[in-house]
Amino acid sequence: MKKYLVLYGVKMNRTEYGYVLEMEAKNAKEACAKTKEYVFAATGRNAFGPVICKPEEIGRYIKGLPPHK
């Protein structure tokens, strides 16, 4: 199993909030799926747009800058 940093969004009160979660999985696709399941079980809300990110790119996402193209 490999550790992945998954960035995802949650909508609350007409506002989108971004979060980062560390997830263990076999591959990136499985990490995204596990994140969606975990967030829904923990909060009852849908985690939309899960993306795998390198640690050095987190700052770009948190500051609200668009991801690299």
N, C-alpha and C. Protein backbone atom coordinates (compact mmCIF):
# COMPACT_ATOMS: atom_id res chain seq x y z
N MET A 1 0.84 -1.18 0.00
CA MET A 1 0.00 0.00 0.00
C MET A 1 0.89 1.25 0.00
N LYS A 2 0.44 2.25 -0.69
CA LYS A 2 1.18 3.49 -0.81
C LYS A 2 0.33 4.64 -0.25
N LYS A 3 0.99 5.64 0.32
CA LYS A 3 0.27 6.79 0.87
C LYS A 3 0.11 7.86 -0.21
N TYR A 4 -1.09 8.41 -0.30
CA TYR A 4 -1.40 9.47 -1.25
C TYR A 4 -1.99 10.66 -0.51
N LEU A 5 -1.70 11.86 -0.98
CA LEU A 5 -2.35 13.07 -0.49
C LEU A 5 -3.50 13.36 -1.45
N VAL A 6 -4.71 13.38 -0.92
CA VAL A 6 -5.90 13.60 -1.74
C VAL A 6 -6.51 14.95 -1.37
N LEU A 7 -6.67 15.80 -2.36
CA LEU A 7 -7.33 17.09 -2.18
C LEU A 7 -8.76 16.94 -2.67
N TYR A 8 -9.71 17.47 -1.90
CA TYR A 8 -11.11 17.36 -2.29
C TYR A 8 -11.88 18.56 -1.76
N GLY A 9 -13.06 18.75 -2.26
CA GLY A 9 -13.91 19.85 -1.84
C GLY A 9 -15.18 19.35 -1.20
N VAL A 10 -15.74 20.18 -0.31
CA VAL A 10 -17.02 19.90 0.34
C VAL A 10 -17.83 21.19 0.30
N LYS A 11 -19.11 21.09 -0.09
CA LYS A 11 -19.97 22.27 -0.11
C LYS A 11 -20.76 22.34 1.19
N MET A 12 -20.69 23.52 1.84
CA MET A 12 -21.47 23.77 3.05
C MET A 12 -21.98 25.21 2.98
N ASN A 13 -23.27 25.39 3.20
CA ASN A 13 -23.87 26.73 3.24
C ASN A 13 -23.51 27.56 2.01
N ARG A 14 -23.65 26.97 0.84
CA ARG A 14 -23.39 27.63 -0.45
C ARG A 14 -21.95 28.07 -0.64
N THR A 15 -21.05 27.48 0.11
CA THR A 15 -19.63 27.80 0.00
C THR A 15 -18.85 26.51 -0.16
N GLU A 16 -17.82 26.53 -1.00
CA GLU A 16 -16.98 25.36 -1.21
C GLU A 16 -15.73 25.48 -0.34
N TYR A 17 -15.42 24.42 0.40
CA TYR A 17 -14.24 24.38 1.25
C TYR A 17 -13.32 23.27 0.77
N GLY A 18 -12.02 23.55 0.72
CA GLY A 18 -11.04 22.57 0.29
C GLY A 18 -10.36 21.90 1.47
N TYR A 19 -10.12 20.61 1.36
CA TYR A 19 -9.48 19.83 2.41
C TYR A 19 -8.42 18.92 1.82
N VAL A 20 -7.49 18.51 2.67
CA VAL A 20 -6.43 17.58 2.28
C VAL A 20 -6.52 16.38 3.22
N LEU A 21 -6.43 15.18 2.66
CA LEU A 21 -6.50 13.95 3.46
C LEU A 21 -5.42 12.99 2.97
N GLU A 22 -4.74 12.35 3.89
CA GLU A 22 -3.75 11.34 3.53
C GLU A 22 -4.43 9.98 3.56
N MET A 23 -4.32 9.24 2.45
CA MET A 23 -5.03 7.97 2.32
C MET A 23 -4.07 6.90 1.82
N GLU A 24 -4.19 5.69 2.36
CA GLU A 24 -3.40 4.56 1.88
C GLU A 24 -4.23 3.75 0.90
N ALA A 25 -3.62 3.43 -0.24
CA ALA A 25 -4.32 2.65 -1.27
C ALA A 25 -3.29 2.04 -2.21
N LYS A 26 -3.79 1.15 -3.07
CA LYS A 26 -2.92 0.48 -4.05
C LYS A 26 -2.55 1.42 -5.19
N ASN A 27 -3.51 2.28 -5.60
CA ASN A 27 -3.25 3.22 -6.69
C ASN A 27 -4.05 4.50 -6.47
N ALA A 28 -3.85 5.47 -7.33
CA ALA A 28 -4.48 6.79 -7.17
C ALA A 28 -6.00 6.72 -7.29
N LYS A 29 -6.49 5.92 -8.20
CA LYS A 29 -7.93 5.82 -8.40
C LYS A 29 -8.61 5.27 -7.15
N GLU A 30 -8.01 4.26 -6.55
CA GLU A 30 -8.56 3.68 -5.34
C GLU A 30 -8.50 4.67 -4.18
N ALA A 31 -7.44 5.47 -4.11
CA ALA A 31 -7.31 6.48 -3.05
C ALA A 31 -8.43 7.51 -3.15
N CYS A 32 -8.77 7.93 -4.36
CA CYS A 32 -9.86 8.89 -4.55
C CYS A 32 -11.20 8.28 -4.13
N ALA A 33 -11.44 7.03 -4.51
CA ALA A 33 -12.68 6.36 -4.16
C ALA A 33 -12.80 6.18 -2.64
N LYS A 34 -11.71 5.77 -1.99
CA LYS A 34 -11.72 5.60 -0.54
C LYS A 34 -11.97 6.93 0.17
N THR A 35 -11.42 8.00 -0.37
CA THR A 35 -11.62 9.32 0.23
C THR A 35 -13.08 9.72 0.18
N LYS A 36 -13.73 9.52 -0.96
CA LYS A 36 -15.15 9.84 -1.08
C LYS A 36 -15.98 9.04 -0.09
N GLU A 37 -15.69 7.76 0.05
CA GLU A 37 -16.41 6.91 1.00
C GLU A 37 -16.18 7.36 2.44
N TYR A 38 -14.94 7.66 2.77
CA TYR A 38 -14.59 8.05 4.14
C TYR A 38 -15.26 9.37 4.53
N VAL A 39 -15.21 10.35 3.65
CA VAL A 39 -15.79 11.65 3.95
C VAL A 39 -17.30 11.54 4.10
N PHE A 40 -17.94 10.77 3.24
CA PHE A 40 -19.39 10.61 3.34
C PHE A 40 -19.78 9.91 4.65
N ALA A 41 -19.01 8.88 5.04
CA ALA A 41 -19.30 8.17 6.28
C ALA A 41 -19.06 9.06 7.51
N ALA A 42 -18.04 9.91 7.44
CA ALA A 42 -17.69 10.73 8.59
C ALA A 42 -18.56 11.98 8.73
N THR A 43 -18.93 12.60 7.60
CA THR A 43 -19.63 13.88 7.66
C THR A 43 -21.04 13.85 7.07
N GLY A 44 -21.33 12.85 6.24
CA GLY A 44 -22.62 12.82 5.56
C GLY A 44 -22.67 13.72 4.34
N ARG A 45 -21.54 14.28 3.96
CA ARG A 45 -21.46 15.17 2.80
C ARG A 45 -20.64 14.53 1.69
N ASN A 46 -20.91 14.96 0.46
CA ASN A 46 -20.20 14.43 -0.69
C ASN A 46 -18.87 15.15 -0.88
N ALA A 47 -17.79 14.39 -1.05
CA ALA A 47 -16.49 14.97 -1.36
C ALA A 47 -16.37 15.01 -2.87
N PHE A 48 -16.36 16.23 -3.43
CA PHE A 48 -16.30 16.32 -4.89
C PHE A 48 -14.90 16.70 -5.35
N GLY A 49 -14.58 16.29 -6.55
CA GLY A 49 -13.31 16.64 -7.18
C GLY A 49 -12.07 16.13 -6.48
N PRO A 50 -12.04 14.86 -6.03
CA PRO A 50 -10.80 14.39 -5.39
C PRO A 50 -9.67 14.32 -6.40
N VAL A 51 -8.50 14.83 -6.00
CA VAL A 51 -7.34 14.90 -6.87
C VAL A 51 -6.12 14.46 -6.07
N ILE A 52 -5.26 13.65 -6.69
CA ILE A 52 -4.00 13.25 -6.05
C ILE A 52 -2.99 14.37 -6.30
N CYS A 53 -2.25 14.72 -5.28
CA CYS A 53 -1.33 15.85 -5.37
C CYS A 53 -0.01 15.51 -4.72
N LYS A 54 1.07 16.07 -5.28
CA LYS A 54 2.39 15.95 -4.66
C LYS A 54 2.47 16.93 -3.51
N PRO A 55 3.25 16.63 -2.46
CA PRO A 55 3.33 17.53 -1.31
C PRO A 55 3.75 18.96 -1.68
N GLU A 56 4.63 19.12 -2.66
CA GLU A 56 5.08 20.47 -3.02
C GLU A 56 4.01 21.28 -3.75
N GLU A 57 2.95 20.63 -4.25
CA GLU A 57 1.89 21.33 -4.96
C GLU A 57 0.74 21.76 -4.06
N ILE A 58 0.73 21.33 -2.81
CA ILE A 58 -0.40 21.62 -1.93
C ILE A 58 -0.61 23.11 -1.76
N GLY A 59 0.46 23.86 -1.63
CA GLY A 59 0.34 25.30 -1.45
C GLY A 59 -0.42 25.98 -2.57
N ARG A 60 -0.25 25.51 -3.77
CA ARG A 60 -0.96 26.09 -4.92
C ARG A 60 -2.45 25.87 -4.80
N TYR A 61 -2.87 24.70 -4.33
CA TYR A 61 -4.28 24.40 -4.19
C TYR A 61 -4.89 25.17 -3.02
N ILE A 62 -4.19 25.22 -1.91
CA ILE A 62 -4.72 25.86 -0.73
C ILE A 62 -4.89 27.37 -0.96
N LYS A 63 -3.98 27.99 -1.67
CA LYS A 63 -4.06 29.42 -1.94
C LYS A 63 -5.16 29.75 -2.95
N GLY A 64 -5.80 28.75 -3.51
CA GLY A 64 -6.87 28.98 -4.46
C GLY A 64 -6.41 29.14 -5.88
N LEU A 65 -5.15 28.88 -6.15
CA LEU A 65 -4.66 28.96 -7.52
C LEU A 65 -5.10 27.71 -8.28
N PRO A 66 -5.34 27.83 -9.56
CA PRO A 66 -5.74 26.65 -10.34
C PRO A 66 -4.58 25.66 -10.42
N PRO A 67 -4.91 24.37 -10.54
CA PRO A 67 -3.84 23.36 -10.66
C PRO A 67 -3.09 23.52 -11.98
N HIS A 68 -1.90 22.92 -12.04
CA HIS A 68 -1.09 23.02 -13.25
C HIS A 68 -1.83 22.41 -14.42
N LYS A 69 -1.54 22.91 -15.63
CA LYS A 69 -2.25 22.43 -16.83
C LYS A 69 -1.41 21.47 -17.59
